[in-house]
Amino acid sequence: MLLTADIGNTNITLGVYQGEKRIGAWRLATVHNRMPDEYGLQLLGLLSHAGYEPSDLKGISLGSVVPPLTGTFIQACERYLELHPMVINDEIETGIRICYQDPGAVGADRIVDAVAVKHLYGGPACVVDFGTATTFDAISSEGDYLGGAIAPGVGIAAEALFQRAAKLPRVELARPPSVIGCNTVHAMQSGLLFGYVGLVEGMVARFRSELGPETKVVGTGGLVEIISAETDAIDIQAPWLTLDGLRILWDMNH
């Protein structure tokens, strides 16, 4: 079995694979000051609850965009799972060409997503990742990573409204009864949900105008389901896309 781990600024996602089949997945909150022992015990608890032992694992594939937590997680894996993770960096084989002015500046999660899309769906494609940021990534018909766009995530926007506007409360990201909100909570929910739907639809149209009308749109991240329910712009929902990419990269490098 293989353990995959994607460390993001807001969430840590974990997956367990038996061959090419994902047999377990979890999404946790990222806690930046958590110690290796805490993460180690959390890993043991999740595996145990799913009926697995650390000895069942043959390896760990790790992607991270939070450098301070990368070392913490490596220590947790070594101490509690007795395995040293393969960390995604610019030295491993990805099988894709990165057409970016500074390839090293592309986040590991965006590269991993591109690898997964190339192998699972083919190009041309636009990957929309609803994470801390909402990112749009372009993959050519040959599977090259062309670049993309980065916008603030829904959570960042909601928190900014709460912090900068004295009378606006924190709200749950949920579908309001109508687009025209009849109270402050519903008005904020409408602006956040339908506003981001409009962002996705507009950006997808612009990506398609450059990549071609046959472009597939793959949505991923924790909010993909709630956004996809409001638009036809997303062709494929793949909430665990990054974990699939980490599994593919492990296979390519072992």
C-alpha atoms as a PDB file:
ATOM      1  CA  MET A   1       0.000   0.000   0.000  1.00  0.00           C
ATOM      2  CA  LEU A   2       1.032   3.581  -0.642  1.00  0.00           C
ATOM      3  CA  LEU A   3       0.265   6.607   1.529  1.00  0.00           C
ATOM      4  CA  THR A   4      -0.096   9.920  -0.301  1.00  0.00           C
ATOM      5  CA  ALA A   5      -0.085  13.269   1.511  1.00  0.00           C
ATOM      6  CA  ASP A   6      -0.755  16.747   0.148  1.00  0.00           C
ATOM      7  CA  ILE A   7       0.046  19.567   2.592  1.00  0.00           C
ATOM      8  CA  GLY A   8      -1.775  22.774   1.725  1.00  0.00           C
ATOM      9  CA  ASN A   9      -2.137  26.062   3.557  1.00  0.00           C
ATOM     10  CA  THR A  10      -5.677  25.263   4.695  1.00  0.00           C
ATOM     11  CA  ASN A  11      -6.027  21.467   4.438  1.00  0.00           C
ATOM     12  CA  ILE A  12      -3.903  18.342   4.499  1.00  0.00           C
ATOM     13  CA  THR A  13      -5.322  15.568   2.345  1.00  0.00           C
ATOM     14  CA  LEU A  14      -4.238  11.966   2.802  1.00  0.00           C
ATOM     15  CA  GLY A  15      -4.907   8.896   0.680  1.00  0.00           C
ATOM     16  CA  VAL A  16      -4.152   5.185   0.803  1.00  0.00           C
ATOM     17  CA  TYR A  17      -3.707   3.245  -2.441  1.00  0.00           C
ATOM     18  CA  GLN A  18      -3.637  -0.446  -3.211  1.00  0.00           C
ATOM     19  CA  GLY A  19      -2.036  -0.465  -6.640  1.00  0.00           C
ATOM     20  CA  GLU A  20      -3.937   2.109  -8.699  1.00  0.00           C
ATOM     21  CA  LYS A  21      -7.055   1.937  -6.525  1.00  0.00           C
ATOM     22  CA  ARG A  22      -7.636   4.540  -3.828  1.00  0.00           C
ATOM     23  CA  ILE A  23      -8.995   2.655  -0.829  1.00  0.00           C
ATOM     24  CA  GLY A  24      -9.120   5.503   1.676  1.00  0.00           C
ATOM     25  CA  ALA A  25      -8.922   9.308   1.793  1.00  0.00           C
ATOM     26  CA  TRP A  26      -9.088  11.976   4.472  1.00  0.00           C
ATOM     27  CA  ARG A  27      -9.125  15.777   4.558  1.00  0.00           C
ATOM     28  CA  LEU A  28      -7.722  17.460   7.690  1.00  0.00           C
ATOM     29  CA  ALA A  29      -7.228  21.059   8.808  1.00  0.00           C
ATOM     30  CA  THR A  30      -3.652  22.315   8.470  1.00  0.00           C
ATOM     31  CA  VAL A  31      -2.297  23.243  11.890  1.00  0.00           C
ATOM     32  CA  HIS A  32       0.962  25.110  11.340  1.00  0.00           C
ATOM     33  CA  ASN A  33       2.350  24.762  14.873  1.00  0.00           C
ATOM     34  CA  ARG A  34       1.565  21.065  15.337  1.00  0.00           C
ATOM     35  CA  MET A  35       4.565  18.965  16.359  1.00  0.00           C
ATOM     36  CA  PRO A  36       5.830  15.813  14.591  1.00  0.00           C
ATOM     37  CA  ASP A  37       4.515  13.597  17.400  1.00  0.00           C
ATOM     38  CA  GLU A  38       1.028  15.075  17.019  1.00  0.00           C
ATOM     39  CA  TYR A  39       0.969  14.454  13.279  1.00  0.00           C
ATOM     40  CA  GLY A  40       2.453  11.000  13.813  1.00  0.00           C
ATOM     41  CA  LEU A  41      -0.263   9.992  16.243  1.00  0.00           C
ATOM     42  CA  GLN A  42      -2.885  11.397  13.896  1.00  0.00           C
ATOM     43  CA  LEU A  43      -1.532   9.264  11.044  1.00  0.00           C
ATOM     44  CA  LEU A  44      -1.529   6.158  13.229  1.00  0.00           C
ATOM     45  CA  GLY A  45      -5.084   6.844  14.340  1.00  0.00           C
ATOM     46  CA  LEU A  46      -6.412   7.283  10.812  1.00  0.00           C
ATOM     47  CA  LEU A  47      -4.707   4.125   9.563  1.00  0.00           C
ATOM     48  CA  SER A  48      -5.881   2.118  12.551  1.00  0.00           C
ATOM     49  CA  HIS A  49      -9.459   3.329  12.184  1.00  0.00           C
ATOM     50  CA  ALA A  50      -9.402   2.191   8.552  1.00  0.00           C
ATOM     51  CA  GLY A  51      -8.083  -1.226   9.588  1.00  0.00           C
ATOM     52  CA  TYR A  52      -4.477  -0.820   8.417  1.00  0.00           C
ATOM     53  CA  GLU A  53      -1.098  -1.120  10.111  1.00  0.00           C
ATOM     54  CA  PRO A  54       2.009   0.994   9.390  1.00  0.00           C
ATOM     55  CA  SER A  55       3.713  -2.210   8.237  1.00  0.00           C
ATOM     56  CA  ASP A  56       1.146  -2.442   5.411  1.00  0.00           C
ATOM     57  CA  LEU A  57       2.691   0.617   3.768  1.00  0.00           C
ATOM     58  CA  LYS A  58       5.460   0.276   1.176  1.00  0.00           C
ATOM     59  CA  GLY A  59       6.038   3.994   0.724  1.00  0.00           C
ATOM     60  CA  ILE A  60       4.842   7.580   1.126  1.00  0.00           C
ATOM     61  CA  SER A  61       4.484  10.196  -1.607  1.00  0.00           C
ATOM     62  CA  LEU A  62       4.442  13.725  -0.193  1.00  0.00           C
ATOM     63  CA  GLY A  63       3.632  17.056  -1.811  1.00  0.00           C
ATOM     64  CA  SER A  64       3.747  20.287   0.165  1.00  0.00           C
ATOM     65  CA  VAL A  65       3.345  24.021  -0.402  1.00  0.00           C
ATOM     66  CA  VAL A  66       4.032  24.768   3.273  1.00  0.00           C
ATOM     67  CA  PRO A  67       7.835  24.489   3.706  1.00  0.00           C
ATOM     68  CA  PRO A  68       7.832  24.719   7.537  1.00  0.00           C
ATOM     69  CA  LEU A  69       5.494  21.725   7.723  1.00  0.00           C
ATOM     70  CA  THR A  70       7.360  19.601   5.200  1.00  0.00           C
ATOM     71  CA  GLY A  71      10.127  18.720   7.648  1.00  0.00           C
ATOM     72  CA  THR A  72       7.610  18.217  10.452  1.00  0.00           C
ATOM     73  CA  PHE A  73       5.654  15.722   8.374  1.00  0.00           C
ATOM     74  CA  ILE A  74       8.806  13.902   7.261  1.00  0.00           C
ATOM     75  CA  GLN A  75       9.802  13.470  10.920  1.00  0.00           C
ATOM     76  CA  ALA A  76       6.325  12.162  11.762  1.00  0.00           C
ATOM     77  CA  CYS A  77       6.486   9.601   8.945  1.00  0.00           C
ATOM     78  CA  GLU A  78       9.965   8.429   9.884  1.00  0.00           C
ATOM     79  CA  ARG A  79       9.210   8.190  13.588  1.00  0.00           C
ATOM     80  CA  TYR A  80       5.757   6.627  13.502  1.00  0.00           C
ATOM     81  CA  LEU A  81       5.537   4.874  10.117  1.00  0.00           C
ATOM     82  CA  GLU A  82       9.257   4.051   9.777  1.00  0.00           C
ATOM     83  CA  LEU A  83       9.295   5.292   6.174  1.00  0.00           C
ATOM     84  CA  HIS A  84      11.041   8.250   4.533  1.00  0.00           C
ATOM     85  CA  PRO A  85       8.631  10.008   2.140  1.00  0.00           C
ATOM     86  CA  MET A  86       9.369  10.781  -1.482  1.00  0.00           C
ATOM     87  CA  VAL A  87       8.984  14.569  -1.539  1.00  0.00           C
ATOM     88  CA  ILE A  88       7.822  16.178  -4.777  1.00  0.00           C
ATOM     89  CA  ASN A  89      10.470  18.609  -6.019  1.00  0.00           C
ATOM     90  CA  ASP A  90      12.141  19.651  -9.272  1.00  0.00           C
ATOM     91  CA  GLU A  91      14.505  16.654  -9.148  1.00  0.00           C
ATOM     92  CA  ILE A  92      11.931  13.887  -9.584  1.00  0.00           C
ATOM     93  CA  GLU A  93      10.643  12.590 -12.912  1.00  0.00           C
ATOM     94  CA  THR A  94       7.240  14.080 -13.785  1.00  0.00           C
ATOM     95  CA  GLY A  95       6.901  13.243 -17.470  1.00  0.00           C
ATOM     96  CA  ILE A  96       5.640  16.742 -18.277  1.00  0.00           C
ATOM     97  CA  ARG A  97       7.339  19.852 -19.615  1.00  0.00           C
ATOM     98  CA  ILE A  98       6.843  22.957 -17.468  1.00  0.00           C
ATOM     99  CA  CYS A  99       6.493  25.984 -19.770  1.00  0.00           C
ATOM    100  CA  TYR A 100       6.844  28.599 -17.033  1.00  0.00           C
ATOM    101  CA  GLN A 101       9.433  31.393 -16.902  1.00  0.00           C
ATOM    102  CA  ASP A 102      10.604  30.039 -13.548  1.00  0.00           C
ATOM    103  CA  PRO A 103       9.621  26.337 -13.317  1.00  0.00           C
ATOM    104  CA  GLY A 104      10.727  26.219  -9.680  1.00  0.00           C
ATOM    105  CA  ALA A 105       8.102  28.813  -8.765  1.00  0.00           C
ATOM    106  CA  VAL A 106       5.193  26.534  -9.666  1.00  0.00           C
ATOM    107  CA  GLY A 107       3.597  25.021  -6.566  1.00  0.00           C
ATOM    108  CA  ALA A 108       4.017  21.283  -6.107  1.00  0.00           C
ATOM    109  CA  ASP A 109       0.251  20.791  -6.002  1.00  0.00           C
ATOM    110  CA  ARG A 110      -0.207  22.429  -9.416  1.00  0.00           C
ATOM    111  CA  ILE A 111       2.424  20.191 -10.999  1.00  0.00           C
ATOM    112  CA  VAL A 112       0.971  17.094  -9.356  1.00  0.00           C
ATOM    113  CA  ASP A 113      -2.514  18.020 -10.609  1.00  0.00           C
ATOM    114  CA  ALA A 114      -1.136  18.469 -14.144  1.00  0.00           C
ATOM    115  CA  VAL A 115       0.495  15.023 -14.016  1.00  0.00           C
ATOM    116  CA  ALA A 116      -2.772  13.451 -12.860  1.00  0.00           C
ATOM    117  CA  VAL A 117      -4.818  15.150 -15.584  1.00  0.00           C
ATOM    118  CA  LYS A 118      -2.346  14.157 -18.314  1.00  0.00           C
ATOM    119  CA  HIS A 119      -2.489  10.491 -17.285  1.00  0.00           C
ATOM    120  CA  LEU A 120      -6.165  10.222 -16.356  1.00  0.00           C
ATOM    121  CA  TYR A 121      -7.973  12.564 -18.760  1.00  0.00           C
ATOM    122  CA  GLY A 122      -5.533  13.886 -21.357  1.00  0.00           C
ATOM    123  CA  GLY A 123      -5.236  17.381 -22.749  1.00  0.00           C
ATOM    124  CA  PRO A 124      -5.936  20.048 -23.532  1.00  0.00           C
ATOM    125  CA  ALA A 125      -7.357  20.698 -20.111  1.00  0.00           C
ATOM    126  CA  CYS A 126      -7.998  23.402 -17.548  1.00  0.00           C
ATOM    127  CA  VAL A 127      -7.676  22.388 -13.896  1.00  0.00           C
ATOM    128  CA  VAL A 128      -9.667  24.465 -11.418  1.00  0.00           C
ATOM    129  CA  ASP A 129      -8.488  23.895  -7.845  1.00  0.00           C
ATOM    130  CA  PHE A 130     -10.673  25.307  -5.074  1.00  0.00           C
ATOM    131  CA  GLY A 131      -8.158  25.607  -2.237  1.00  0.00           C
ATOM    132  CA  THR A 132      -6.777  28.467  -0.168  1.00  0.00           C
ATOM    133  CA  ALA A 133      -6.414  30.124  -3.563  1.00  0.00           C
ATOM    134  CA  THR A 134      -8.609  29.337  -6.544  1.00  0.00           C
ATOM    135  CA  THR A 135      -6.130  28.334  -9.247  1.00  0.00           C
ATOM    136  CA  PHE A 136      -6.613  27.706 -12.943  1.00  0.00           C
ATOM    137  CA  ASP A 137      -3.953  25.616 -14.694  1.00  0.00           C
ATOM    138  CA  ALA A 138      -3.588  24.962 -18.411  1.00  0.00           C
ATOM    139  CA  ILE A 139      -2.361  21.639 -19.816  1.00  0.00           C
ATOM    140  CA  SER A 140      -1.701  21.369 -23.550  1.00  0.00           C
ATOM    141  CA  SER A 141      -2.829  18.553 -25.825  1.00  0.00           C
ATOM    142  CA  GLU A 142       0.720  17.146 -25.482  1.00  0.00           C
ATOM    143  CA  GLY A 143       0.473  17.219 -21.680  1.00  0.00           C
ATOM    144  CA  ASP A 144       2.741  20.237 -21.139  1.00  0.00           C
ATOM    145  CA  TYR A 145       2.083  22.532 -18.183  1.00  0.00           C
ATOM    146  CA  LEU A 146       1.569  25.934 -19.819  1.00  0.00           C
ATOM    147  CA  GLY A 147       0.838  28.147 -16.805  1.00  0.00           C
ATOM    148  CA  GLY A 148      -2.351  29.477 -15.302  1.00  0.00           C
ATOM    149  CA  ALA A 149      -4.067  32.024 -13.131  1.00  0.00           C
ATOM    150  CA  ILE A 150      -4.372  32.521  -9.376  1.00  0.00           C
ATOM    151  CA  ALA A 151      -7.301  34.190  -7.604  1.00  0.00           C
ATOM    152  CA  PRO A 152      -8.137  34.483  -3.883  1.00  0.00           C
ATOM    153  CA  GLY A 153     -10.015  31.468  -2.594  1.00  0.00           C
ATOM    154  CA  VAL A 154     -13.614  31.589  -1.381  1.00  0.00           C
ATOM    155  CA  GLY A 155     -12.478  31.223   2.246  1.00  0.00           C
ATOM    156  CA  ILE A 156     -10.036  34.127   1.947  1.00  0.00           C
ATOM    157  CA  ALA A 157     -12.743  36.329   0.433  1.00  0.00           C
ATOM    158  CA  ALA A 158     -15.246  35.455   3.152  1.00  0.00           C
ATOM    159  CA  GLU A 159     -12.715  36.121   5.913  1.00  0.00           C
ATOM    160  CA  ALA A 160     -11.736  39.451   4.347  1.00  0.00           C
ATOM    161  CA  LEU A 161     -15.374  40.566   4.340  1.00  0.00           C
ATOM    162  CA  PHE A 162     -15.727  39.670   8.010  1.00  0.00           C
ATOM    163  CA  GLN A 163     -12.492  41.392   9.059  1.00  0.00           C
ATOM    164  CA  ARG A 164     -12.780  44.560   6.976  1.00  0.00           C
ATOM    165  CA  ALA A 165     -16.514  45.292   7.188  1.00  0.00           C
ATOM    166  CA  ALA A 166     -17.662  45.990  10.741  1.00  0.00           C
ATOM    167  CA  LYS A 167     -21.272  44.887  10.296  1.00  0.00           C
ATOM    168  CA  LEU A 168     -20.711  41.742   8.240  1.00  0.00           C
ATOM    169  CA  PRO A 169     -20.649  38.398  10.097  1.00  0.00           C
ATOM    170  CA  ARG A 170     -18.849  35.170   9.349  1.00  0.00           C
ATOM    171  CA  VAL A 171     -21.097  32.980   7.233  1.00  0.00           C
ATOM    172  CA  GLU A 172     -21.220  29.377   6.091  1.00  0.00           C
ATOM    173  CA  LEU A 173     -20.553  28.850   2.394  1.00  0.00           C
ATOM    174  CA  ALA A 174     -23.942  27.472   1.429  1.00  0.00           C
ATOM    175  CA  ARG A 175     -26.543  28.021  -1.278  1.00  0.00           C
ATOM    176  CA  PRO A 176     -28.934  30.813  -0.271  1.00  0.00           C
ATOM    177  CA  PRO A 177     -32.666  30.600  -1.109  1.00  0.00           C
ATOM    178  CA  SER A 178     -32.216  33.008  -4.023  1.00  0.00           C
ATOM    179  CA  VAL A 179     -29.567  35.086  -5.773  1.00  0.00           C
ATOM    180  CA  ILE A 180     -31.160  38.238  -4.353  1.00  0.00           C
ATOM    181  CA  GLY A 181     -30.489  37.913  -0.637  1.00  0.00           C
ATOM    182  CA  CYS A 182     -33.220  39.214   1.666  1.00  0.00           C
ATOM    183  CA  ASN A 183     -30.932  39.429   4.695  1.00  0.00           C
ATOM    184  CA  THR A 184     -27.222  40.009   5.272  1.00  0.00           C
ATOM    185  CA  VAL A 185     -26.285  36.342   5.632  1.00  0.00           C
ATOM    186  CA  HIS A 186     -28.074  35.321   2.433  1.00  0.00           C
ATOM    187  CA  ALA A 187     -26.680  38.331   0.575  1.00  0.00           C
ATOM    188  CA  MET A 188     -23.134  37.350   1.563  1.00  0.00           C
ATOM    189  CA  GLN A 189     -23.717  33.708   0.667  1.00  0.00           C
ATOM    190  CA  SER A 190     -25.056  34.767  -2.724  1.00  0.00           C
ATOM    191  CA  GLY A 191     -22.082  37.000  -3.425  1.00  0.00           C
ATOM    192  CA  LEU A 192     -19.574  34.354  -2.381  1.00  0.00           C
ATOM    193  CA  LEU A 193     -21.142  31.320  -4.059  1.00  0.00           C
ATOM    194  CA  PHE A 194     -22.582  32.801  -7.230  1.00  0.00           C
ATOM    195  CA  GLY A 195     -19.771  35.327  -7.493  1.00  0.00           C
ATOM    196  CA  TYR A 196     -17.229  32.512  -7.611  1.00  0.00           C
ATOM    197  CA  VAL A 197     -19.389  30.563 -10.037  1.00  0.00           C
ATOM    198  CA  GLY A 198     -19.224  33.609 -12.305  1.00  0.00           C
ATOM    199  CA  LEU A 199     -15.447  33.767 -11.840  1.00  0.00           C
ATOM    200  CA  VAL A 200     -15.096  30.111 -12.830  1.00  0.00           C
ATOM    201  CA  GLU A 201     -17.351  30.440 -15.864  1.00  0.00           C
ATOM    202  CA  GLY A 202     -15.558  33.554 -17.081  1.00  0.00           C
ATOM    203  CA  MET A 203     -12.059  32.152 -16.614  1.00  0.00           C
ATOM    204  CA  VAL A 204     -12.958  28.807 -18.187  1.00  0.00           C
ATOM    205  CA  ALA A 205     -14.307  30.619 -21.251  1.00  0.00           C
ATOM    206  CA  ARG A 206     -11.068  32.589 -21.560  1.00  0.00           C
ATOM    207  CA  PHE A 207      -8.925  29.466 -21.145  1.00  0.00           C
ATOM    208  CA  ARG A 208     -10.978  27.671 -23.801  1.00  0.00           C
ATOM    209  CA  SER A 209     -10.474  30.591 -26.183  1.00  0.00           C
ATOM    210  CA  GLU A 210      -6.705  30.021 -25.933  1.00  0.00           C
ATOM    211  CA  LEU A 211      -6.543  26.220 -25.523  1.00  0.00           C
ATOM    212  CA  GLY A 212      -9.348  25.313 -27.907  1.00  0.00           C
ATOM    213  CA  PRO A 213     -13.053  24.381 -27.650  1.00  0.00           C
ATOM    214  CA  GLU A 214     -12.250  20.715 -26.908  1.00  0.00           C
ATOM    215  CA  THR A 215     -10.615  21.689 -23.588  1.00  0.00           C
ATOM    216  CA  LYS A 216     -11.697  19.514 -20.659  1.00  0.00           C
ATOM    217  CA  VAL A 217     -12.326  21.323 -17.364  1.00  0.00           C
ATOM    218  CA  VAL A 218     -11.367  19.323 -14.283  1.00  0.00           C
ATOM    219  CA  GLY A 219     -12.432  20.637 -10.878  1.00  0.00           C
ATOM    220  CA  THR A 220     -10.728  19.619  -7.644  1.00  0.00           C
ATOM    221  CA  GLY A 221     -10.367  20.711  -4.028  1.00  0.00           C
ATOM    222  CA  GLY A 222     -12.668  20.682  -1.042  1.00  0.00           C
ATOM    223  CA  LEU A 223     -15.296  23.041  -2.502  1.00  0.00           C
ATOM    224  CA  VAL A 224     -15.553  21.528  -5.970  1.00  0.00           C
ATOM    225  CA  GLU A 225     -18.905  19.854  -5.308  1.00  0.00           C
ATOM    226  CA  ILE A 226     -20.710  22.955  -4.057  1.00  0.00           C
ATOM    227  CA  ILE A 227     -19.400  25.079  -6.942  1.00  0.00           C
ATOM    228  CA  SER A 228     -20.003  22.397  -9.583  1.00  0.00           C
ATOM    229  CA  ALA A 229     -23.627  22.082  -8.480  1.00  0.00           C
ATOM    230  CA  GLU A 230     -24.230  25.627  -9.740  1.00  0.00           C
ATOM    231  CA  THR A 231     -22.537  25.523 -13.147  1.00  0.00           C
ATOM    232  CA  ASP A 232     -21.970  23.362 -16.208  1.00  0.00           C
ATOM    233  CA  ALA A 233     -18.489  24.826 -16.697  1.00  0.00           C
ATOM    234  CA  ILE A 234     -16.783  21.943 -14.871  1.00  0.00           C
ATOM    235  CA  ASP A 235     -16.795  18.739 -16.917  1.00  0.00           C
ATOM    236  CA  ILE A 236     -15.120  16.404 -14.403  1.00  0.00           C
ATOM    237  CA  GLN A 237     -15.256  16.488 -10.601  1.00  0.00           C
ATOM    238  CA  ALA A 238     -12.066  15.025  -9.128  1.00  0.00           C
ATOM    239  CA  PRO A 239     -11.872  16.063  -5.452  1.00  0.00           C
ATOM    240  CA  TRP A 240      -8.861  13.804  -4.807  1.00  0.00           C
ATOM    241  CA  LEU A 241      -6.971  14.694  -8.001  1.00  0.00           C
ATOM    242  CA  THR A 242      -3.769  15.697  -6.191  1.00  0.00           C
ATOM    243  CA  LEU A 243      -3.641  12.397  -4.314  1.00  0.00           C
ATOM    244  CA  ASP A 244      -4.041  10.524  -7.601  1.00  0.00           C
ATOM    245  CA  GLY A 245      -1.161  12.554  -9.027  1.00  0.00           C
ATOM    246  CA  LEU A 246       1.044  11.737  -6.049  1.00  0.00           C
ATOM    247  CA  ARG A 247       0.342   8.052  -6.625  1.00  0.00           C
ATOM    248  CA  ILE A 248       1.205   8.352 -10.324  1.00  0.00           C
ATOM    249  CA  LEU A 249       4.462  10.159  -9.524  1.00  0.00           C
ATOM    250  CA  TRP A 250       5.423   7.457  -7.032  1.00  0.00           C
ATOM    251  CA  ASP A 251       4.923   4.795  -9.689  1.00  0.00           C
ATOM    252  CA  MET A 252       6.956   6.808 -12.214  1.00  0.00           C
ATOM    253  CA  ASN A 253       9.900   7.149  -9.836  1.00  0.00           C
ATOM    254  CA  HIS A 254      10.011   3.597  -8.425  1.00  0.00           C
END
